Amino acid sequence: MIYLNSIQHAYQNLRFAWNEHTHAVSRLSSGKRIQTAADDPSGLAISVRFHTQIRGNQQAQRNILDAVSLAQTAEAGLQSIQEQLLRIRELLVLVQNGTLSENDRLHAQQEIDQLIESIDSIGKGTTFNGISLLSSWIEGTPASPGTPGTPPRTEIIVRQSPTFQTSFDLNPNSDQFVVPNYNIPVRAADGNFTITAAFTPMWGKGPDNGPDLHVISPIGEKFGLNDGGYFSNGKAGTVSSASASSVTFNGEKSNPETMTFISPITGDWQVRLVNPEKKKAYRIELTIAYQYTETVTIPGTPGTPPVPGTPGSTGKVTIQTGSTTGDALPLELSYVTAEALGIRNLIATDPNAIGKIDQAMNTVSSERTKYGIYQNRLQHRYDVLDTLNLNHASSVSRIEDADMAAEMITLVRGKLLHDVGTKVLVKELDTYRDRIAALLTFAKNPIDSNQLS
């Protein structure tokens, strides 16, 4: 058993030596210490983050070079405009001289007009990748005076109920017929409602005066003829009650009949039809409807405050100068057309013409200075990104790259251990094989003890 364990240990050491040799060969051939996540998980995460920053900074450097080209293009256009303004000023000084004839001044004016047209053409035609650099203008927004609000108000709303219709028969032996309850839900104490009931005989002889309309309030007060209520005396008119401030009955003993309730109490009001007279059989069609009015308060609407206008401004181009969201540099463009410079329709003999040209030249000089500042700032940012990328690359190299000297030592050591282990293992296996052969021979010839020597 001990003998077998020694062989197993020899094989295990041989396998370790081979794995070490294989990894050393892989690192030497690729030059990378980290080839898979298993080699160094934490180091891999750090190196990926560094690679992200490096590639973002490299793209930002390309963005910066594009922005520098944009600024140089704009400056070239401004330089051309400035040179033509200098020529215009020179001509204006010439025109002010009294030794010139009118024809000479006319020629000077013609040249000035052409120079102004050229300035306008350069201002509108100087572009970079389709972006207008010298005629970029964003119109402002006008001021808004706001709107006044509306105060709260009250309105009387008339609500019309759906029409209730039913047909029924009266026979000669019936004293009265009560229509099934028709309830009116009243929900607003400050409203009014009117009930109207119309009766149309369908066949046979109808009642002489028509059936009577009866109404019962939510507290049990009765309104109607022949019912012991407020109108039991058979007279129409207006009365007061606990259920409403006043009640008016119209159309007594006629068709239709109407009741109007002023400021009724809330609750369910019942409507009934009663026929007190005995007549022969006939059919009646009944139609009941009510109209309800209530006073509602409609809230006012708030007004909108005035909104100040915004002035016009030149356009802007945002340059991404880094790998993070906040690394952005806005470049303000220019608006230097003839109209913007105030030299459109310039008259050479105008005593203020030289002052206008001087003001235009100051504007152009300021714009050229602005683009020069942009170029310097972008160049500084480019240099900073160079330094960042150099340092990041050094950090990535320390994390990812293999130590060639150490890997060579590991390669030689692994190769040596592998060769020695292979020879040892072969020798041990040979010895083990000889022992087994001797045992097999002894098993066949147990008397021959010389086989064991």
Protein backbone atom coordinates (compact mmCIF):
# COMPACT_ATOMS: atom_id res chain seq x y z
CA MET A 1 0.00 0.00 0.00
CA ILE A 2 2.86 2.37 0.81
CA TYR A 3 4.43 1.50 -2.49
CA LEU A 4 1.26 2.39 -4.41
CA ASN A 5 0.95 5.73 -2.55
CA SER A 6 4.44 6.70 -3.63
CA ILE A 7 3.47 6.17 -7.26
CA GLN A 8 0.32 8.28 -6.82
CA HIS A 9 2.31 11.10 -5.23
CA ALA A 10 4.81 10.97 -8.08
CA TYR A 11 2.01 11.20 -10.64
CA GLN A 12 0.35 14.11 -8.79
CA ASN A 13 3.64 16.05 -8.67
CA LEU A 14 4.13 15.33 -12.36
CA ARG A 15 0.69 16.76 -13.15
CA PHE A 16 1.34 19.92 -11.08
CA ALA A 17 4.65 20.45 -12.85
CA TRP A 18 2.99 20.07 -16.24
CA ASN A 19 0.19 22.57 -15.40
CA GLU A 20 2.79 25.08 -14.20
CA HIS A 21 4.77 24.59 -17.39
CA THR A 22 1.63 24.96 -19.54
CA HIS A 23 0.54 28.21 -17.85
CA ALA A 24 4.05 29.64 -18.20
CA VAL A 25 4.06 28.84 -21.92
CA SER A 26 0.64 30.47 -22.35
CA ARG A 27 1.68 33.67 -20.56
CA LEU A 28 4.98 33.91 -22.42
CA SER A 29 3.29 33.42 -25.80
CA SER A 30 0.57 36.06 -25.13
CA GLY A 31 2.53 38.40 -22.88
CA LYS A 32 -0.53 38.62 -20.60
CA ARG A 33 -0.73 37.58 -16.98
CA ILE A 34 -4.56 37.70 -17.04
CA GLN A 35 -6.05 35.71 -19.91
CA THR A 36 -9.30 34.58 -18.31
CA ALA A 37 -11.34 35.81 -15.37
CA ALA A 38 -10.14 32.83 -13.36
CA ASP A 39 -6.55 34.10 -13.48
CA ASP A 40 -7.34 37.23 -11.40
CA PRO A 41 -11.03 38.22 -11.02
CA SER A 42 -10.40 41.44 -9.11
CA GLY A 43 -7.54 42.47 -11.37
CA LEU A 44 -9.69 41.82 -14.45
CA ALA A 45 -12.45 44.14 -13.16
CA ILE A 46 -9.93 46.91 -12.49
CA SER A 47 -8.28 46.52 -15.89
CA VAL A 48 -11.63 46.65 -17.71
CA ARG A 49 -12.44 49.91 -15.94
CA PHE A 50 -9.08 51.33 -16.99
CA HIS A 51 -9.66 50.22 -20.58
CA THR A 52 -13.05 51.97 -20.54
CA GLN A 53 -11.45 55.24 -19.46
CA ILE A 54 -8.60 54.92 -21.93
CA ARG A 55 -10.86 54.30 -24.93
CA GLY A 56 -13.23 57.06 -23.85
CA ASN A 57 -10.32 59.48 -23.51
CA GLN A 58 -8.98 58.49 -26.92
CA GLN A 59 -12.35 59.26 -28.50
CA ALA A 60 -12.47 62.54 -26.57
CA GLN A 61 -9.07 63.44 -28.04
CA ARG A 62 -10.48 62.90 -31.51
CA ASN A 63 -13.44 65.08 -30.56
CA ILE A 64 -11.04 67.79 -29.41
CA LEU A 65 -9.14 67.68 -32.70
CA ASP A 66 -12.45 68.10 -34.55
CA ALA A 67 -13.30 71.06 -32.32
CA VAL A 68 -9.90 72.63 -32.97
CA SER A 69 -10.51 72.27 -36.71
CA LEU A 70 -13.92 73.93 -36.24
CA ALA A 71 -12.39 76.84 -34.35
CA GLN A 72 -9.63 77.24 -36.95
CA THR A 73 -12.22 77.27 -39.74
CA ALA A 74 -14.22 79.97 -37.96
CA GLU A 75 -11.10 82.01 -37.28
CA ALA A 76 -10.06 81.81 -40.92
CA GLY A 77 -13.44 83.20 -41.96
CA LEU A 78 -13.16 85.99 -39.36
CA GLN A 79 -9.67 86.83 -40.53
CA SER A 80 -10.93 87.26 -44.09
CA ILE A 81 -13.80 89.46 -42.85
CA GLN A 82 -11.37 91.53 -40.80
CA GLU A 83 -9.12 92.14 -43.77
CA GLN A 84 -12.05 93.35 -45.85
CA LEU A 85 -13.19 95.63 -43.04
CA LEU A 86 -9.73 97.14 -43.02
CA ARG A 87 -10.02 97.81 -46.75
CA ILE A 88 -13.47 99.37 -46.26
CA ARG A 89 -12.09 101.65 -43.55
CA GLU A 90 -9.23 102.61 -45.80
CA LEU A 91 -11.70 103.56 -48.54
CA LEU A 92 -13.83 105.55 -46.08
CA VAL A 93 -10.79 107.56 -45.03
CA LEU A 94 -10.09 108.14 -48.71
CA VAL A 95 -13.63 109.29 -49.45
CA GLN A 96 -13.49 111.86 -46.64
CA ASN A 97 -10.65 113.62 -48.47
CA GLY A 98 -11.86 116.75 -50.23
CA THR A 99 -9.58 116.32 -53.23
CA LEU A 100 -11.72 113.53 -54.70
CA SER A 101 -14.31 114.13 -57.35
CA GLU A 102 -17.84 112.80 -57.19
CA ASN A 103 -16.92 110.17 -59.75
CA ASP A 104 -14.02 109.04 -57.54
CA ARG A 105 -16.34 108.75 -54.54
CA LEU A 106 -18.80 106.75 -56.65
CA HIS A 107 -16.09 104.24 -57.55
CA ALA A 108 -15.10 103.95 -53.90
CA GLN A 109 -18.75 103.35 -52.93
CA GLN A 110 -19.02 100.58 -55.52
CA GLU A 111 -15.97 98.83 -54.09
CA ILE A 112 -17.34 99.21 -50.55
CA ASP A 113 -20.64 97.66 -51.63
CA GLN A 114 -18.84 94.67 -53.13
CA LEU A 115 -16.71 94.24 -50.02
CA ILE A 116 -19.85 94.25 -47.84
CA GLU A 117 -21.44 91.62 -50.07
CA SER A 118 -18.28 89.53 -49.73
CA ILE A 119 -18.37 89.88 -45.94
CA ASP A 120 -22.00 88.77 -45.91
CA SER A 121 -21.20 85.82 -48.16
CA ILE A 122 -18.31 84.71 -45.93
CA GLY A 123 -20.44 85.07 -42.81
CA LYS A 124 -23.23 82.93 -44.24
CA GLY A 125 -21.02 80.46 -46.10
CA THR A 126 -18.47 79.53 -43.44
CA THR A 127 -19.56 76.10 -42.26
CA PHE A 128 -18.02 73.00 -40.68
CA ASN A 129 -19.69 69.67 -41.37
CA GLY A 130 -22.91 71.50 -42.18
CA ILE A 131 -22.78 73.71 -39.06
CA SER A 132 -22.98 77.43 -39.78
CA LEU A 133 -20.17 79.03 -37.79
CA LEU A 134 -20.46 82.77 -38.46
CA SER A 135 -24.21 83.17 -39.05
CA SER A 136 -25.57 81.10 -36.15
CA TRP A 137 -28.46 82.87 -34.45
CA ILE A 138 -31.29 81.59 -32.25
CA GLU A 139 -34.34 83.83 -32.15
CA GLY A 140 -35.63 84.87 -28.74
CA THR A 141 -39.16 84.37 -27.50
CA PRO A 142 -41.62 87.26 -27.00
CA ALA A 143 -42.94 88.11 -23.57
CA SER A 144 -46.36 86.80 -22.57
CA PRO A 145 -48.67 89.17 -20.65
CA GLY A 146 -50.44 86.31 -18.90
CA THR A 147 -54.17 85.77 -18.65
CA PRO A 148 -56.60 86.96 -15.95
CA GLY A 149 -58.47 84.42 -13.91
CA THR A 150 -62.24 84.16 -13.52
CA PRO A 151 -64.06 84.68 -10.20
CA PRO A 152 -66.41 82.07 -8.73
CA ARG A 153 -70.03 82.37 -9.86
CA THR A 154 -73.40 80.79 -9.12
CA GLU A 155 -75.73 79.38 -11.75
CA ILE A 156 -79.19 77.88 -11.67
CA ILE A 157 -79.18 74.52 -13.40
CA VAL A 158 -82.40 72.98 -14.68
CA ARG A 159 -82.45 69.21 -14.64
CA GLN A 160 -85.13 67.43 -16.65
CA SER A 161 -86.16 63.97 -15.52
CA PRO A 162 -86.81 61.10 -17.92
CA THR A 163 -90.51 60.76 -18.77
CA PHE A 164 -92.35 58.08 -16.81
CA GLN A 165 -95.15 56.42 -18.79
CA THR A 166 -97.56 53.63 -17.89
CA SER A 167 -100.95 52.31 -19.04
CA PHE A 168 -103.61 50.80 -16.80
CA ASP A 169 -107.26 49.72 -16.78
CA LEU A 170 -110.05 50.97 -14.50
CA ASN A 171 -113.17 48.82 -14.14
CA PRO A 172 -116.63 50.07 -13.09
CA ASN A 173 -116.36 48.64 -9.59
CA SER A 174 -113.08 50.34 -8.63
CA ASP A 175 -113.23 53.45 -6.48
CA GLN A 176 -109.70 54.52 -7.30
CA PHE A 177 -106.50 53.40 -8.90
CA VAL A 178 -103.12 54.07 -7.31
CA VAL A 179 -100.18 54.16 -9.68
CA PRO A 180 -97.13 52.25 -8.35
CA ASN A 181 -94.84 54.60 -6.47
CA TYR A 182 -92.85 56.97 -8.63
CA ASN A 183 -90.16 58.46 -6.38
CA ILE A 184 -88.26 61.69 -7.01
CA PRO A 185 -84.88 61.89 -5.24
CA VAL A 186 -84.30 65.47 -4.09
CA ARG A 187 -80.71 66.16 -3.01
CA ALA A 188 -80.37 69.99 -2.96
CA ALA A 189 -82.36 72.05 -0.43
CA ASP A 190 -81.93 75.29 -2.37
CA GLY A 191 -83.59 74.00 -5.56
CA ASN A 192 -87.14 73.86 -6.89
CA PHE A 193 -88.97 71.16 -8.80
CA THR A 194 -92.22 70.87 -10.71
CA ILE A 195 -94.29 67.69 -11.20
CA THR A 196 -96.63 67.38 -14.18
CA ALA A 197 -99.04 64.46 -14.76
CA ALA A 198 -101.05 64.03 -17.97
CA PHE A 199 -103.82 61.44 -18.46
CA THR A 200 -104.98 60.22 -21.87
CA PRO A 201 -107.95 57.76 -22.07
CA MET A 202 -107.17 55.01 -24.56
CA TRP A 203 -110.72 53.62 -24.94
CA GLY A 204 -114.02 53.82 -23.13
CA LYS A 205 -115.22 56.78 -21.16
CA GLY A 206 -112.62 58.51 -19.02
CA PRO A 207 -113.18 60.36 -15.78
CA ASP A 208 -115.04 63.67 -16.03
CA ASN A 209 -112.29 65.70 -14.41
CA GLY A 210 -109.37 63.33 -14.78
CA PRO A 211 -107.60 61.42 -12.03
CA ASP A 212 -106.06 63.38 -9.18
CA LEU A 213 -102.30 63.92 -8.74
CA HIS A 214 -101.06 63.24 -5.21
CA VAL A 215 -97.56 63.91 -3.83
CA ILE A 216 -96.19 62.76 -0.46
CA SER A 217 -93.09 64.48 0.98
CA PRO A 218 -90.22 62.64 2.74
CA ILE A 219 -91.76 63.60 6.12
CA GLY A 220 -95.25 62.35 5.16
CA GLU A 221 -96.99 65.60 4.18
CA LYS A 222 -99.66 65.05 1.51
CA PHE A 223 -100.41 67.37 -1.35
CA GLY A 224 -103.43 66.85 -3.64
CA LEU A 225 -107.21 67.02 -3.93
CA ASN A 226 -109.59 64.67 -2.11
CA ASP A 227 -106.84 63.35 0.09
CA GLY A 228 -107.13 65.43 3.20
CA GLY A 229 -104.09 67.41 2.24
CA TYR A 230 -103.50 71.13 1.78
CA PHE A 231 -105.73 71.23 -1.30
CA SER A 232 -108.59 69.16 0.03
CA ASN A 233 -110.89 72.13 -0.34
CA GLY A 234 -110.72 71.69 -4.11
CA LYS A 235 -109.13 75.08 -4.68
CA ALA A 236 -105.87 75.74 -6.49
CA GLY A 237 -103.34 78.17 -5.08
CA THR A 238 -100.16 78.50 -3.07
CA VAL A 239 -99.58 77.27 0.44
CA SER A 240 -96.62 76.93 2.79
CA SER A 241 -95.58 73.73 4.48
CA ALA A 242 -92.84 72.13 6.47
CA SER A 243 -91.65 70.24 3.39
CA ALA A 244 -91.13 73.33 1.20
CA SER A 245 -91.15 77.09 1.62
CA SER A 246 -94.20 77.24 -0.66
CA VAL A 247 -96.24 74.86 -2.81
CA THR A 248 -98.31 75.88 -5.84
CA PHE A 249 -101.05 73.70 -7.35
CA ASN A 250 -102.35 74.36 -10.85
CA GLY A 251 -104.83 72.54 -13.05
CA GLU A 252 -107.23 71.29 -10.39
CA LYS A 253 -109.84 68.89 -11.72
CA SER A 254 -108.26 69.14 -15.16
CA ASN A 255 -105.73 67.48 -17.37
CA PRO A 256 -102.80 67.88 -16.89
CA GLU A 257 -102.21 68.73 -13.23
CA THR A 258 -99.06 70.47 -11.98
CA MET A 259 -97.44 71.01 -8.57
CA THR A 260 -94.44 73.27 -7.98
CA PHE A 261 -92.35 73.00 -4.79
CA ILE A 262 -90.07 75.92 -3.85
CA SER A 263 -86.93 74.97 -1.87
CA PRO A 264 -88.09 71.46 -0.99
CA ILE A 265 -86.47 69.37 1.67
CA THR A 266 -84.13 66.59 0.59
CA GLY A 267 -85.30 63.00 0.39
CA ASP A 268 -87.53 60.81 -1.76
CA TRP A 269 -90.83 62.38 -2.82
CA GLN A 270 -93.61 59.94 -3.82
CA VAL A 271 -95.97 60.56 -6.77
CA ARG A 272 -99.35 58.80 -7.02
CA LEU A 273 -102.46 58.88 -9.22
CA VAL A 274 -105.92 58.49 -7.66
CA ASN A 275 -109.31 58.13 -9.43
CA PRO A 276 -112.11 58.81 -6.96
CA GLU A 277 -115.06 58.39 -9.34
CA LYS A 278 -116.80 55.20 -10.36
CA LYS A 279 -117.13 54.93 -14.12
CA LYS A 280 -117.45 52.22 -16.64
CA ALA A 281 -114.39 50.32 -17.76
CA TYR A 282 -111.77 52.30 -19.65
CA ARG A 283 -107.99 52.36 -20.25
CA ILE A 284 -105.79 55.34 -19.36
CA GLU A 285 -102.26 56.20 -20.36
CA LEU A 286 -100.36 58.16 -17.71
CA THR A 287 -97.33 60.35 -18.32
CA ILE A 288 -95.40 61.85 -15.37
CA ALA A 289 -92.30 64.06 -15.57
CA TYR A 290 -90.61 66.52 -13.27
CA GLN A 291 -88.28 69.44 -13.72
CA TYR A 292 -85.78 70.19 -10.99
CA THR A 293 -83.75 73.37 -10.54
CA GLU A 294 -80.80 73.88 -8.21
CA THR A 295 -78.26 76.60 -7.57
CA VAL A 296 -74.65 75.52 -7.97
CA THR A 297 -71.41 77.38 -7.38
CA ILE A 298 -68.88 77.16 -10.19
CA PRO A 299 -65.35 77.76 -8.92
CA GLY A 300 -63.21 80.39 -10.56
CA THR A 301 -60.13 79.67 -12.63
CA PRO A 302 -56.69 81.01 -11.72
CA GLY A 303 -54.96 83.30 -14.14
CA THR A 304 -51.53 82.71 -15.60
CA PRO A 305 -48.67 85.00 -14.58
CA PRO A 306 -46.81 87.00 -17.20
CA VAL A 307 -43.79 85.29 -18.72
CA PRO A 308 -40.80 87.44 -19.64
CA GLY A 309 -39.37 87.03 -23.10
CA THR A 310 -35.90 85.68 -23.83
CA PRO A 311 -33.42 87.57 -25.97
CA GLY A 312 -31.90 86.04 -29.06
CA SER A 313 -28.46 84.48 -28.84
CA THR A 314 -25.80 82.87 -30.97
CA GLY A 315 -25.81 79.10 -31.37
CA LYS A 316 -23.59 76.73 -29.45
CA VAL A 317 -21.75 73.48 -30.13
CA THR A 318 -21.03 71.14 -27.22
CA ILE A 319 -17.74 69.23 -27.37
CA GLN A 320 -17.36 66.03 -25.34
CA THR A 321 -13.81 66.40 -23.97
CA GLY A 322 -13.66 63.40 -21.65
CA SER A 323 -14.99 59.94 -20.94
CA THR A 324 -17.56 61.00 -18.31
CA THR A 325 -20.86 62.83 -18.57
CA GLY A 326 -19.61 66.09 -17.07
CA ASP A 327 -16.66 66.44 -19.46
CA ALA A 328 -18.38 68.77 -21.93
CA LEU A 329 -17.21 72.13 -23.25
CA PRO A 330 -19.78 74.41 -24.96
CA LEU A 331 -18.35 76.47 -27.83
CA GLU A 332 -20.31 79.62 -28.59
CA LEU A 333 -20.49 80.33 -32.31
CA SER A 334 -20.65 83.74 -34.02
CA TYR A 335 -23.09 85.97 -35.85
CA VAL A 336 -21.09 88.34 -38.05
CA THR A 337 -23.16 88.87 -41.17
CA ALA A 338 -23.41 92.35 -42.68
CA GLU A 339 -26.69 92.92 -40.84
CA ALA A 340 -25.24 91.77 -37.53
CA LEU A 341 -22.20 94.03 -37.93
CA GLY A 342 -24.42 96.99 -38.81
CA ILE A 343 -22.70 97.78 -42.12
CA ARG A 344 -25.46 96.82 -44.55
CA ASN A 345 -26.17 99.75 -46.93
CA LEU A 346 -23.17 101.65 -45.61
CA ILE A 347 -22.80 105.07 -47.27
CA ALA A 348 -19.23 106.17 -47.82
CA THR A 349 -20.03 109.86 -47.37
CA ASP A 350 -21.79 109.25 -44.04
CA PRO A 351 -19.75 111.02 -41.32
CA ASN A 352 -20.53 108.12 -38.94
CA ALA A 353 -19.39 105.43 -41.39
CA ILE A 354 -15.87 105.17 -39.98
CA GLY A 355 -17.28 104.73 -36.46
CA LYS A 356 -19.55 101.93 -37.69
CA ILE A 357 -16.61 100.15 -39.31
CA ASP A 358 -14.54 100.55 -36.15
CA GLN A 359 -17.34 99.00 -34.12
CA ALA A 360 -17.63 96.11 -36.61
CA MET A 361 -13.87 95.54 -36.44
CA ASN A 362 -14.01 95.43 -32.65
CA THR A 363 -16.76 92.82 -32.87
CA VAL A 364 -14.76 90.66 -35.29
CA SER A 365 -11.61 91.03 -33.19
CA SER A 366 -13.51 89.87 -30.10
CA GLU A 367 -14.81 86.84 -31.99
CA ARG A 368 -11.31 85.96 -33.24
CA THR A 369 -9.99 86.26 -29.70
CA LYS A 370 -12.75 83.94 -28.48
CA TYR A 371 -11.82 81.23 -30.98
CA GLY A 372 -8.14 81.60 -30.09
CA ILE A 373 -9.02 81.04 -26.43
CA TYR A 374 -11.06 77.98 -27.41
CA GLN A 375 -8.11 76.50 -29.32
CA ASN A 376 -5.72 76.98 -26.38
CA ARG A 377 -8.19 75.52 -23.94
CA LEU A 378 -8.82 72.50 -26.18
CA GLN A 379 -5.08 71.95 -26.62
CA HIS A 380 -4.55 71.97 -22.85
CA ARG A 381 -7.37 69.46 -22.45
CA TYR A 382 -5.81 67.27 -25.13
CA ASP A 383 -2.48 67.29 -23.28
CA VAL A 384 -4.20 66.35 -20.02
CA LEU A 385 -5.90 63.39 -21.72
CA ASP A 386 -2.51 62.30 -23.07
CA THR A 387 -1.13 62.21 -19.54
CA LEU A 388 -4.20 60.37 -18.24
CA ASN A 389 -3.97 57.73 -20.95
CA LEU A 390 -0.26 57.23 -20.31
CA ASN A 391 -0.83 56.67 -16.57
CA HIS A 392 -3.84 54.45 -17.15
CA ALA A 393 -1.93 52.35 -19.66
CA SER A 394 0.91 51.93 -17.12
CA SER A 395 -1.56 50.73 -14.51
CA VAL A 396 -3.16 48.30 -16.95
CA SER A 397 0.27 46.95 -17.87
CA ARG A 398 1.13 46.28 -14.25
CA ILE A 399 -2.16 44.43 -13.80
CA GLU A 400 -2.39 42.48 -17.06
CA ASP A 401 1.11 42.02 -18.48
CA ALA A 402 3.22 39.02 -17.58
CA ASP A 403 6.64 39.30 -15.93
CA MET A 404 8.74 37.73 -18.66
CA ALA A 405 11.74 36.92 -16.40
CA ALA A 406 9.56 35.32 -13.73
CA GLU A 407 7.60 33.39 -16.35
CA MET A 408 10.86 32.08 -17.91
CA ILE A 409 12.00 30.83 -14.50
CA THR A 410 8.60 29.19 -14.00
CA LEU A 411 8.82 27.64 -17.47
CA VAL A 412 12.29 26.16 -16.84
CA ARG A 413 11.35 24.97 -13.37
CA GLY A 414 8.15 23.33 -14.59
CA LYS A 415 9.98 21.69 -17.52
CA LEU A 416 12.71 20.35 -15.23
CA LEU A 417 10.26 18.99 -12.67
CA HIS A 418 8.20 17.44 -15.42
CA ASP A 419 11.19 15.67 -16.99
CA VAL A 420 12.54 14.41 -13.66
CA GLY A 421 9.08 13.35 -12.48
CA THR A 422 8.48 11.47 -15.72
CA LYS A 423 11.72 9.49 -15.34
CA VAL A 424 11.07 8.73 -11.68
CA LEU A 425 7.54 7.60 -12.42
CA VAL A 426 8.72 5.34 -15.26
CA LYS A 427 11.37 3.75 -13.05
CA GLU A 428 8.90 3.15 -10.25
CA LEU A 429 6.43 1.61 -12.65
CA ASP A 430 9.11 -0.66 -14.06
CA THR A 431 10.04 -1.81 -10.56
CA TYR A 432 6.42 -2.36 -9.71
CA ARG A 433 5.97 -4.35 -12.93
CA ASP A 434 8.95 -6.60 -12.08
CA ARG A 435 7.57 -7.28 -8.62
CA ILE A 436 4.22 -8.25 -10.05
CA ALA A 437 5.89 -10.57 -12.57
CA ALA A 438 7.84 -12.28 -9.78
CA LEU A 439 4.72 -12.79 -7.74
CA LEU A 440 2.93 -14.31 -10.70
CA THR A 441 5.84 -16.69 -11.33
CA PHE A 442 5.91 -17.75 -7.68
CA ALA A 443 2.22 -18.40 -7.81
CA LYS A 444 2.74 -20.81 -10.68
CA ASN A 445 5.82 -22.51 -9.13
CA PRO A 446 5.57 -22.17 -5.34
CA ILE A 447 8.46 -24.73 -4.71
CA ASP A 448 10.97 -22.65 -6.63
CA SER A 449 11.84 -20.14 -3.97
CA ASN A 450 14.68 -18.69 -6.04
CA GLN A 451 12.13 -16.59 -7.90
CA LEU A 452 11.69 -14.45 -4.80
CA SER A 453 15.39 -13.66 -4.37
